[in-house]
Amino acid sequence: MSEIEKKFKNELVQLLKNLGLSHGDKVFVTGNLASLGRLRIFKNRKMEILLDSIFSVIGKDSTIFSPSASMNLCNTSIPFDIKKTPSDRMGAFAEYLRKLPDSVRSNHPFWSVSGIGKDANILKKVSKHAFGIESPWSHFLDMDVKQLNFGLHPSKAVTLIHHIETIYGVPYRYTKEFCHPILKNGKITKDFFYQSVMYVGSDIKKRVLLNEHYFDSLKEKKLLYENIHETGLKLWCFKMKDFYKEAITFFNDDIYNYLEYEPKIKPYQK
């Protein structure tokens, strides 16, 4: 390992500890590493160092998860190959983790998650629904997983909110059944999968500031931790369970709190 790589890893390990990560933690990693572009280390080495740095803090007997969604396959006839279908716009680290030899991926053609480590096999036992009971997100809450965001504020990258919408049963979403081709044992077969979606053509409008109100509340309660690397890379960390509990209070007060205003959806519900 070169001197610049050692320095990068040592700084990263310290930052992760400052964010509250410790031995035994299970971590869901997402975000944007663009600000590391100026760092004079090969891209793949950055990914290796990032992975190794996280495991150095949480221990080799723990688990790292990352999104490997391929929403670009939705409403197409392109077969989903759990081993080879690339993630779509999930970031460099997510794709790096998905391609590791020991990586495990959940079997959903549109919203899959990948993991590596002790408990990664839990992804083999999830439901056919992207969210909801027995989905990866349900297991993450049960496992008390922490979310680690690199370079992208978590208000812009917190898929857990859609799990919350699903289990809360918000009236502006419904469960849609998809029949999609899957490559399995060398053969293409079709199978049914499910995802919570919004009514097309309605006046549903997400908040312009998306999830910022949840994270403002978490920050006030000191449940959201922030730090910054000398390269300008910002990092955030929070417990998924804390976010879940905080978001639920908002839905209890206003079931449309995720939206700019209450939509006119009754014609679509009929």
C-alpha atoms as a PDB file:
ATOM      1  CA  MET A   1       0.000   0.000   0.000  1.00  0.00           C
ATOM      2  CA  SER A   2       1.421   3.392  -1.009  1.00  0.00           C
ATOM      3  CA  GLU A   3       1.845   6.259   1.463  1.00  0.00           C
ATOM      4  CA  ILE A   4      -1.095   8.170  -0.017  1.00  0.00           C
ATOM      5  CA  GLU A   5      -3.268   5.028   0.278  1.00  0.00           C
ATOM      6  CA  LYS A   6      -2.216   4.516   3.916  1.00  0.00           C
ATOM      7  CA  LYS A   7      -3.002   8.142   4.721  1.00  0.00           C
ATOM      8  CA  PHE A   8      -6.398   7.882   3.026  1.00  0.00           C
ATOM      9  CA  LYS A   9      -7.290   4.702   4.920  1.00  0.00           C
ATOM     10  CA  ASN A  10      -6.126   6.009   8.304  1.00  0.00           C
ATOM     11  CA  GLU A  11      -8.154   9.205   7.884  1.00  0.00           C
ATOM     12  CA  LEU A  12     -11.192   7.254   6.706  1.00  0.00           C
ATOM     13  CA  VAL A  13     -11.060   4.839   9.642  1.00  0.00           C
ATOM     14  CA  GLN A  14     -10.901   7.741  12.094  1.00  0.00           C
ATOM     15  CA  LEU A  15     -13.800   9.525  10.380  1.00  0.00           C
ATOM     16  CA  LEU A  16     -15.927   6.380  10.517  1.00  0.00           C
ATOM     17  CA  LYS A  17     -15.229   6.008  14.236  1.00  0.00           C
ATOM     18  CA  ASN A  18     -16.128   9.671  14.754  1.00  0.00           C
ATOM     19  CA  LEU A  19     -19.450   8.956  13.025  1.00  0.00           C
ATOM     20  CA  GLY A  20     -20.267   6.428  15.705  1.00  0.00           C
ATOM     21  CA  LEU A  21     -19.475   3.204  13.858  1.00  0.00           C
ATOM     22  CA  SER A  22     -18.018   0.477  16.042  1.00  0.00           C
ATOM     23  CA  HIS A  23     -17.294  -3.236  16.193  1.00  0.00           C
ATOM     24  CA  GLY A  24     -20.321  -5.410  15.455  1.00  0.00           C
ATOM     25  CA  ASP A  25     -22.271  -2.789  13.523  1.00  0.00           C
ATOM     26  CA  LYS A  26     -24.017  -3.783  10.303  1.00  0.00           C
ATOM     27  CA  VAL A  27     -23.890  -1.018   7.692  1.00  0.00           C
ATOM     28  CA  PHE A  28     -25.863  -0.053   4.582  1.00  0.00           C
ATOM     29  CA  VAL A  29     -23.607   2.115   2.400  1.00  0.00           C
ATOM     30  CA  THR A  30     -24.797   4.489  -0.304  1.00  0.00           C
ATOM     31  CA  GLY A  31     -23.948   7.859  -1.820  1.00  0.00           C
ATOM     32  CA  ASN A  32     -21.684   9.592  -4.310  1.00  0.00           C
ATOM     33  CA  LEU A  33     -17.895   9.448  -4.247  1.00  0.00           C
ATOM     34  CA  ALA A  34     -17.337  12.109  -6.940  1.00  0.00           C
ATOM     35  CA  SER A  35     -15.381  14.367  -4.590  1.00  0.00           C
ATOM     36  CA  LEU A  36     -12.716  11.646  -4.315  1.00  0.00           C
ATOM     37  CA  GLY A  37     -11.937  12.161  -8.004  1.00  0.00           C
ATOM     38  CA  ARG A  38      -9.043  14.463  -7.132  1.00  0.00           C
ATOM     39  CA  LEU A  39      -7.440  11.805  -4.927  1.00  0.00           C
ATOM     40  CA  ARG A  40      -4.504  10.281  -6.820  1.00  0.00           C
ATOM     41  CA  ILE A  41      -5.488   6.665  -6.275  1.00  0.00           C
ATOM     42  CA  PHE A  42      -6.896   4.315  -8.899  1.00  0.00           C
ATOM     43  CA  LYS A  43     -10.699   4.081  -8.742  1.00  0.00           C
ATOM     44  CA  ASN A  44     -10.804   0.387  -7.890  1.00  0.00           C
ATOM     45  CA  ARG A  45      -8.233   0.878  -5.126  1.00  0.00           C
ATOM     46  CA  LYS A  46     -10.428   3.602  -3.611  1.00  0.00           C
ATOM     47  CA  MET A  47     -13.294   1.114  -3.472  1.00  0.00           C
ATOM     48  CA  GLU A  48     -11.050  -1.548  -1.921  1.00  0.00           C
ATOM     49  CA  ILE A  49      -9.766   0.889   0.702  1.00  0.00           C
ATOM     50  CA  LEU A  50     -13.277   2.096   1.472  1.00  0.00           C
ATOM     51  CA  LEU A  51     -14.534  -1.463   1.991  1.00  0.00           C
ATOM     52  CA  ASP A  52     -11.489  -2.423   4.042  1.00  0.00           C
ATOM     53  CA  SER A  53     -11.781   0.741   6.148  1.00  0.00           C
ATOM     54  CA  ILE A  54     -15.397  -0.009   7.067  1.00  0.00           C
ATOM     55  CA  PHE A  55     -14.578  -3.620   7.955  1.00  0.00           C
ATOM     56  CA  SER A  56     -11.586  -2.386  10.000  1.00  0.00           C
ATOM     57  CA  VAL A  57     -14.052  -0.481  12.186  1.00  0.00           C
ATOM     58  CA  ILE A  58     -17.022  -2.883  12.344  1.00  0.00           C
ATOM     59  CA  GLY A  59     -15.016  -6.133  12.255  1.00  0.00           C
ATOM     60  CA  LYS A  60     -14.597  -8.816   9.611  1.00  0.00           C
ATOM     61  CA  ASP A  61     -17.423 -10.833  11.211  1.00  0.00           C
ATOM     62  CA  SER A  62     -19.985  -8.124  10.458  1.00  0.00           C
ATOM     63  CA  THR A  63     -21.852  -7.190   7.246  1.00  0.00           C
ATOM     64  CA  ILE A  64     -21.924  -4.393   4.659  1.00  0.00           C
ATOM     65  CA  PHE A  65     -24.953  -3.860   2.417  1.00  0.00           C
ATOM     66  CA  SER A  66     -25.407  -1.571  -0.564  1.00  0.00           C
ATOM     67  CA  PRO A  67     -28.147  -0.862  -3.152  1.00  0.00           C
ATOM     68  CA  SER A  68     -27.976  -2.744  -6.460  1.00  0.00           C
ATOM     69  CA  ALA A  69     -31.297  -1.597  -7.934  1.00  0.00           C
ATOM     70  CA  SER A  70     -31.917  -1.829 -11.680  1.00  0.00           C
ATOM     71  CA  MET A  71     -35.073   0.241 -12.088  1.00  0.00           C
ATOM     72  CA  ASN A  72     -34.151   0.674 -15.753  1.00  0.00           C
ATOM     73  CA  LEU A  73     -35.524  -2.877 -16.288  1.00  0.00           C
ATOM     74  CA  CYS A  74     -38.998  -1.898 -15.114  1.00  0.00           C
ATOM     75  CA  ASN A  75     -41.638  -2.208 -17.866  1.00  0.00           C
ATOM     76  CA  THR A  76     -39.124  -3.827 -20.242  1.00  0.00           C
ATOM     77  CA  SER A  77     -38.605  -7.396 -21.441  1.00  0.00           C
ATOM     78  CA  ILE A  78     -34.914  -7.388 -20.484  1.00  0.00           C
ATOM     79  CA  PRO A  79     -34.206 -10.478 -18.323  1.00  0.00           C
ATOM     80  CA  PHE A  80     -32.847  -9.943 -14.834  1.00  0.00           C
ATOM     81  CA  ASP A  81     -29.656 -11.884 -14.122  1.00  0.00           C
ATOM     82  CA  ILE A  82     -28.942 -11.806 -10.391  1.00  0.00           C
ATOM     83  CA  LYS A  83     -25.219 -12.329 -11.079  1.00  0.00           C
ATOM     84  CA  LYS A  84     -24.660 -10.075 -14.086  1.00  0.00           C
ATOM     85  CA  THR A  85     -27.342  -7.381 -14.294  1.00  0.00           C
ATOM     86  CA  PRO A  86     -25.556  -4.167 -13.292  1.00  0.00           C
ATOM     87  CA  SER A  87     -27.016  -1.741 -10.797  1.00  0.00           C
ATOM     88  CA  ASP A  88     -28.370   1.437 -12.363  1.00  0.00           C
ATOM     89  CA  ARG A  89     -27.266   4.831 -11.010  1.00  0.00           C
ATOM     90  CA  MET A  90     -26.489   3.430  -7.574  1.00  0.00           C
ATOM     91  CA  GLY A  91     -22.902   4.698  -7.493  1.00  0.00           C
ATOM     92  CA  ALA A  92     -19.396   3.298  -7.911  1.00  0.00           C
ATOM     93  CA  PHE A  93     -19.165   1.645  -4.499  1.00  0.00           C
ATOM     94  CA  ALA A  94     -22.523  -0.100  -4.874  1.00  0.00           C
ATOM     95  CA  GLU A  95     -21.480  -1.579  -8.203  1.00  0.00           C
ATOM     96  CA  TYR A  96     -18.071  -2.546  -6.822  1.00  0.00           C
ATOM     97  CA  LEU A  97     -19.663  -4.407  -3.907  1.00  0.00           C
ATOM     98  CA  ARG A  98     -22.224  -6.119  -6.172  1.00  0.00           C
ATOM     99  CA  LYS A  99     -19.439  -7.567  -8.337  1.00  0.00           C
ATOM    100  CA  LEU A 100     -17.341  -8.996  -5.492  1.00  0.00           C
ATOM    101  CA  PRO A 101     -17.038 -12.817  -5.658  1.00  0.00           C
ATOM    102  CA  ASP A 102     -18.604 -13.313  -2.199  1.00  0.00           C
ATOM    103  CA  SER A 103     -21.374 -10.769  -2.683  1.00  0.00           C
ATOM    104  CA  VAL A 104     -24.990 -11.890  -2.156  1.00  0.00           C
ATOM    105  CA  ARG A 105     -27.845 -10.160  -3.984  1.00  0.00           C
ATOM    106  CA  SER A 106     -31.582 -10.181  -3.306  1.00  0.00           C
ATOM    107  CA  ASN A 107     -33.724 -11.508  -6.139  1.00  0.00           C
ATOM    108  CA  HIS A 108     -35.840  -8.553  -7.257  1.00  0.00           C
ATOM    109  CA  PRO A 109     -35.449  -7.332 -10.867  1.00  0.00           C
ATOM    110  CA  PHE A 110     -36.017  -3.653 -10.011  1.00  0.00           C
ATOM    111  CA  TRP A 111     -35.030  -3.060  -6.374  1.00  0.00           C
ATOM    112  CA  SER A 112     -32.340  -5.467  -5.253  1.00  0.00           C
ATOM    113  CA  VAL A 113     -29.782  -5.058  -2.480  1.00  0.00           C
ATOM    114  CA  SER A 114     -26.330  -6.628  -2.281  1.00  0.00           C
ATOM    115  CA  GLY A 115     -24.320  -7.559   0.778  1.00  0.00           C
ATOM    116  CA  ILE A 116     -21.050  -9.058   1.871  1.00  0.00           C
ATOM    117  CA  GLY A 117     -20.128 -10.531   5.228  1.00  0.00           C
ATOM    118  CA  LYS A 118     -21.566 -12.665   8.000  1.00  0.00           C
ATOM    119  CA  ASP A 119     -25.281 -11.899   7.567  1.00  0.00           C
ATOM    120  CA  ALA A 120     -25.388 -11.256   3.809  1.00  0.00           C
ATOM    121  CA  ASN A 121     -27.291 -14.513   3.243  1.00  0.00           C
ATOM    122  CA  ILE A 122     -30.380 -12.894   4.763  1.00  0.00           C
ATOM    123  CA  LEU A 123     -30.844 -11.415   1.260  1.00  0.00           C
ATOM    124  CA  LYS A 124     -31.602 -14.918  -0.038  1.00  0.00           C
ATOM    125  CA  LYS A 125     -34.639 -15.140   2.237  1.00  0.00           C
ATOM    126  CA  VAL A 126     -36.545 -11.979   1.331  1.00  0.00           C
ATOM    127  CA  SER A 127     -40.026 -11.570  -0.142  1.00  0.00           C
ATOM    128  CA  LYS A 128     -40.869 -10.783  -3.772  1.00  0.00           C
ATOM    129  CA  HIS A 129     -41.974  -7.289  -2.741  1.00  0.00           C
ATOM    130  CA  ALA A 130     -39.390  -4.502  -3.035  1.00  0.00           C
ATOM    131  CA  PHE A 131     -40.576  -3.122   0.324  1.00  0.00           C
ATOM    132  CA  GLY A 132     -42.757  -4.164   3.229  1.00  0.00           C
ATOM    133  CA  ILE A 133     -42.710  -7.253   5.448  1.00  0.00           C
ATOM    134  CA  GLU A 134     -39.770  -9.633   4.850  1.00  0.00           C
ATOM    135  CA  SER A 135     -38.168  -7.235   2.359  1.00  0.00           C
ATOM    136  CA  PRO A 136     -34.474  -6.333   2.859  1.00  0.00           C
ATOM    137  CA  TRP A 137     -35.577  -3.113   4.592  1.00  0.00           C
ATOM    138  CA  SER A 138     -37.679  -5.066   7.073  1.00  0.00           C
ATOM    139  CA  HIS A 139     -34.653  -7.213   7.922  1.00  0.00           C
ATOM    140  CA  PHE A 140     -32.403  -4.142   8.198  1.00  0.00           C
ATOM    141  CA  LEU A 141     -34.675  -2.700  10.866  1.00  0.00           C
ATOM    142  CA  ASP A 142     -34.736  -6.018  12.736  1.00  0.00           C
ATOM    143  CA  MET A 143     -30.928  -6.197  12.531  1.00  0.00           C
ATOM    144  CA  ASP A 144     -30.513  -2.576  13.707  1.00  0.00           C
ATOM    145  CA  VAL A 145     -28.494  -1.667  10.595  1.00  0.00           C
ATOM    146  CA  LYS A 146     -26.826   1.742  10.371  1.00  0.00           C
ATOM    147  CA  GLN A 147     -26.874   3.733   7.125  1.00  0.00           C
ATOM    148  CA  LEU A 148     -23.671   5.398   5.968  1.00  0.00           C
ATOM    149  CA  ASN A 149     -23.916   8.062   3.254  1.00  0.00           C
ATOM    150  CA  PHE A 150     -20.892   9.281   1.306  1.00  0.00           C
ATOM    151  CA  GLY A 151     -20.979  12.594  -0.584  1.00  0.00           C
ATOM    152  CA  LEU A 152     -24.775  12.747  -0.829  1.00  0.00           C
ATOM    153  CA  HIS A 153     -26.970  14.013   1.981  1.00  0.00           C
ATOM    154  CA  PRO A 154     -29.202  11.169   3.240  1.00  0.00           C
ATOM    155  CA  SER A 155     -32.318  13.243   2.515  1.00  0.00           C
ATOM    156  CA  LYS A 156     -31.551  12.527  -1.151  1.00  0.00           C
ATOM    157  CA  ALA A 157     -30.709   8.852  -0.659  1.00  0.00           C
ATOM    158  CA  VAL A 158     -32.907   7.093   1.905  1.00  0.00           C
ATOM    159  CA  THR A 159     -34.861   4.313   0.211  1.00  0.00           C
ATOM    160  CA  LEU A 160     -36.118   3.268   3.628  1.00  0.00           C
ATOM    161  CA  ILE A 161     -38.801   5.974   3.313  1.00  0.00           C
ATOM    162  CA  HIS A 162     -40.554   3.886   0.633  1.00  0.00           C
ATOM    163  CA  HIS A 163     -40.589   0.892   2.974  1.00  0.00           C
ATOM    164  CA  ILE A 164     -42.232   3.130   5.580  1.00  0.00           C
ATOM    165  CA  GLU A 165     -44.805   4.386   3.054  1.00  0.00           C
ATOM    166  CA  THR A 166     -45.586   0.788   2.121  1.00  0.00           C
ATOM    167  CA  ILE A 167     -46.116  -0.580   5.612  1.00  0.00           C
ATOM    168  CA  TYR A 168     -47.952   2.568   6.702  1.00  0.00           C
ATOM    169  CA  GLY A 169     -50.316   2.114   3.766  1.00  0.00           C
ATOM    170  CA  VAL A 170     -50.247   5.654   2.388  1.00  0.00           C
ATOM    171  CA  PRO A 171     -53.274   6.260   0.129  1.00  0.00           C
ATOM    172  CA  TYR A 172     -51.253   7.708  -2.766  1.00  0.00           C
ATOM    173  CA  ARG A 173     -49.415   4.405  -3.411  1.00  0.00           C
ATOM    174  CA  TYR A 174     -50.583   0.922  -4.288  1.00  0.00           C
ATOM    175  CA  THR A 175     -48.890  -2.442  -4.762  1.00  0.00           C
ATOM    176  CA  LYS A 176     -48.396  -3.271  -8.416  1.00  0.00           C
ATOM    177  CA  GLU A 177     -47.756  -6.782  -9.709  1.00  0.00           C
ATOM    178  CA  PHE A 178     -45.057  -7.176 -12.363  1.00  0.00           C
ATOM    179  CA  CYS A 179     -44.385 -10.301 -14.426  1.00  0.00           C
ATOM    180  CA  HIS A 180     -40.739 -10.086 -15.428  1.00  0.00           C
ATOM    181  CA  PRO A 181     -38.271 -12.437 -17.174  1.00  0.00           C
ATOM    182  CA  ILE A 182     -35.572 -13.887 -14.922  1.00  0.00           C
ATOM    183  CA  LEU A 183     -32.457 -15.810 -15.900  1.00  0.00           C
ATOM    184  CA  LYS A 184     -32.413 -18.847 -13.617  1.00  0.00           C
ATOM    185  CA  ASN A 185     -30.266 -21.976 -13.982  1.00  0.00           C
ATOM    186  CA  GLY A 186     -29.317 -20.918 -17.480  1.00  0.00           C
ATOM    187  CA  LYS A 187     -32.946 -20.559 -18.587  1.00  0.00           C
ATOM    188  CA  ILE A 188     -35.202 -17.537 -18.914  1.00  0.00           C
ATOM    189  CA  THR A 189     -38.462 -17.883 -17.033  1.00  0.00           C
ATOM    190  CA  LYS A 190     -41.082 -15.361 -15.974  1.00  0.00           C
ATOM    191  CA  ASP A 191     -41.958 -14.692 -12.375  1.00  0.00           C
ATOM    192  CA  PHE A 192     -44.131 -12.278 -10.415  1.00  0.00           C
ATOM    193  CA  PHE A 193     -42.685  -9.438  -8.356  1.00  0.00           C
ATOM    194  CA  TYR A 194     -44.263  -6.588  -6.436  1.00  0.00           C
ATOM    195  CA  GLN A 195     -43.513  -2.962  -5.817  1.00  0.00           C
ATOM    196  CA  SER A 196     -45.250  -0.011  -4.210  1.00  0.00           C
ATOM    197  CA  VAL A 197     -45.885   2.633  -6.882  1.00  0.00           C
ATOM    198  CA  MET A 198     -47.713   5.954  -7.231  1.00  0.00           C
ATOM    199  CA  TYR A 199     -50.824   6.555  -9.318  1.00  0.00           C
ATOM    200  CA  VAL A 200     -49.782   7.678 -12.814  1.00  0.00           C
ATOM    201  CA  GLY A 201     -51.525  10.780 -14.136  1.00  0.00           C
ATOM    202  CA  SER A 202     -52.596  12.047 -10.731  1.00  0.00           C
ATOM    203  CA  ASP A 203     -51.399  15.338  -9.233  1.00  0.00           C
ATOM    204  CA  ILE A 204     -49.119  13.639  -6.683  1.00  0.00           C
ATOM    205  CA  LYS A 205     -46.064  15.807  -6.056  1.00  0.00           C
ATOM    206  CA  LYS A 206     -43.210  14.856  -3.764  1.00  0.00           C
ATOM    207  CA  ARG A 207     -41.835  17.509  -1.450  1.00  0.00           C
ATOM    208  CA  VAL A 208     -39.331  19.750  -3.208  1.00  0.00           C
ATOM    209  CA  LEU A 209     -37.025  19.238  -0.225  1.00  0.00           C
ATOM    210  CA  LEU A 210     -37.798  15.511  -0.181  1.00  0.00           C
ATOM    211  CA  ASN A 211     -36.810  14.010   3.190  1.00  0.00           C
ATOM    212  CA  GLU A 212     -35.086  17.007   4.750  1.00  0.00           C
ATOM    213  CA  HIS A 213     -37.738  17.461   7.448  1.00  0.00           C
ATOM    214  CA  TYR A 214     -37.021  13.975   8.819  1.00  0.00           C
ATOM    215  CA  PHE A 215     -33.282  14.597   8.972  1.00  0.00           C
ATOM    216  CA  ASP A 216     -33.643  18.077  10.449  1.00  0.00           C
ATOM    217  CA  SER A 217     -35.520  16.381  13.282  1.00  0.00           C
ATOM    218  CA  LEU A 218     -32.889  13.643  13.614  1.00  0.00           C
ATOM    219  CA  LYS A 219     -30.138  16.254  13.727  1.00  0.00           C
ATOM    220  CA  GLU A 220     -31.925  18.208  16.448  1.00  0.00           C
ATOM    221  CA  LYS A 221     -32.110  15.033  18.512  1.00  0.00           C
ATOM    222  CA  LYS A 222     -28.435  14.272  17.759  1.00  0.00           C
ATOM    223  CA  LEU A 223     -29.308  11.012  16.015  1.00  0.00           C
ATOM    224  CA  LEU A 224     -27.656  12.104  12.751  1.00  0.00           C
ATOM    225  CA  TYR A 225     -23.858  12.342  12.653  1.00  0.00           C
ATOM    226  CA  GLU A 226     -21.827  14.310  10.103  1.00  0.00           C
ATOM    227  CA  ASN A 227     -18.144  14.541   9.231  1.00  0.00           C
ATOM    228  CA  ILE A 228     -15.947  15.673   6.353  1.00  0.00           C
ATOM    229  CA  HIS A 229     -12.773  14.336   4.753  1.00  0.00           C
ATOM    230  CA  GLU A 230      -9.988  16.715   3.744  1.00  0.00           C
ATOM    231  CA  THR A 231     -10.814  15.998   0.085  1.00  0.00           C
ATOM    232  CA  GLY A 232     -14.233  17.573   0.661  1.00  0.00           C
ATOM    233  CA  LEU A 233     -16.032  14.233   0.887  1.00  0.00           C
ATOM    234  CA  LYS A 234     -18.896  14.564   3.371  1.00  0.00           C
ATOM    235  CA  LEU A 235     -20.128  11.601   5.400  1.00  0.00           C
ATOM    236  CA  TRP A 236     -23.337  11.032   7.361  1.00  0.00           C
ATOM    237  CA  CYS A 237     -24.413   8.156   9.573  1.00  0.00           C
ATOM    238  CA  PHE A 238     -27.648   7.267  11.356  1.00  0.00           C
ATOM    239  CA  LYS A 239     -29.497   4.217  12.627  1.00  0.00           C
ATOM    240  CA  MET A 240     -32.222   3.069  10.252  1.00  0.00           C
ATOM    241  CA  LYS A 241     -34.371   2.306  13.290  1.00  0.00           C
ATOM    242  CA  ASP A 242     -34.030   5.933  14.473  1.00  0.00           C
ATOM    243  CA  PHE A 243     -35.076   7.224  11.061  1.00  0.00           C
ATOM    244  CA  TYR A 244     -38.024   4.822  11.018  1.00  0.00           C
ATOM    245  CA  LYS A 245     -39.278   5.949  14.428  1.00  0.00           C
ATOM    246  CA  GLU A 246     -38.874   9.633  13.546  1.00  0.00           C
ATOM    247  CA  ALA A 247     -40.572   9.347  10.146  1.00  0.00           C
ATOM    248  CA  ILE A 248     -43.518   7.437  11.634  1.00  0.00           C
ATOM    249  CA  THR A 249     -44.286  10.383  13.935  1.00  0.00           C
ATOM    250  CA  PHE A 250     -44.613  12.601  10.854  1.00  0.00           C
ATOM    251  CA  PHE A 251     -46.968  10.137   9.163  1.00  0.00           C
ATOM    252  CA  ASN A 252     -49.026   9.928  12.344  1.00  0.00           C
ATOM    253  CA  ASP A 253     -49.477  13.704  12.255  1.00  0.00           C
ATOM    254  CA  ASP A 254     -50.022  13.948   8.501  1.00  0.00           C
ATOM    255  CA  ILE A 255     -50.231  10.919   6.224  1.00  0.00           C
ATOM    256  CA  TYR A 256     -49.355  13.190   3.275  1.00  0.00           C
ATOM    257  CA  ASN A 257     -46.260  14.697   4.916  1.00  0.00           C
ATOM    258  CA  TYR A 258     -43.986  13.241   2.199  1.00  0.00           C
ATOM    259  CA  LEU A 259     -45.880  15.258  -0.432  1.00  0.00           C
ATOM    260  CA  GLU A 260     -46.153  18.978  -1.189  1.00  0.00           C
ATOM    261  CA  TYR A 261     -49.922  18.816  -0.738  1.00  0.00           C
ATOM    262  CA  GLU A 262     -52.777  16.331  -0.437  1.00  0.00           C
ATOM    263  CA  PRO A 263     -53.329  14.939  -3.966  1.00  0.00           C
ATOM    264  CA  LYS A 264     -56.587  14.346  -5.771  1.00  0.00           C
ATOM    265  CA  ILE A 265     -56.389  10.565  -5.986  1.00  0.00           C
ATOM    266  CA  LYS A 266     -59.919   9.316  -5.318  1.00  0.00           C
ATOM    267  CA  PRO A 267     -60.737   8.740  -9.036  1.00  0.00           C
ATOM    268  CA  TYR A 268     -57.621   6.543  -9.292  1.00  0.00           C
ATOM    269  CA  GLN A 269     -58.454   4.563  -6.169  1.00  0.00           C
ATOM    270  CA  LYS A 270     -61.821   3.660  -7.672  1.00  0.00           C
END
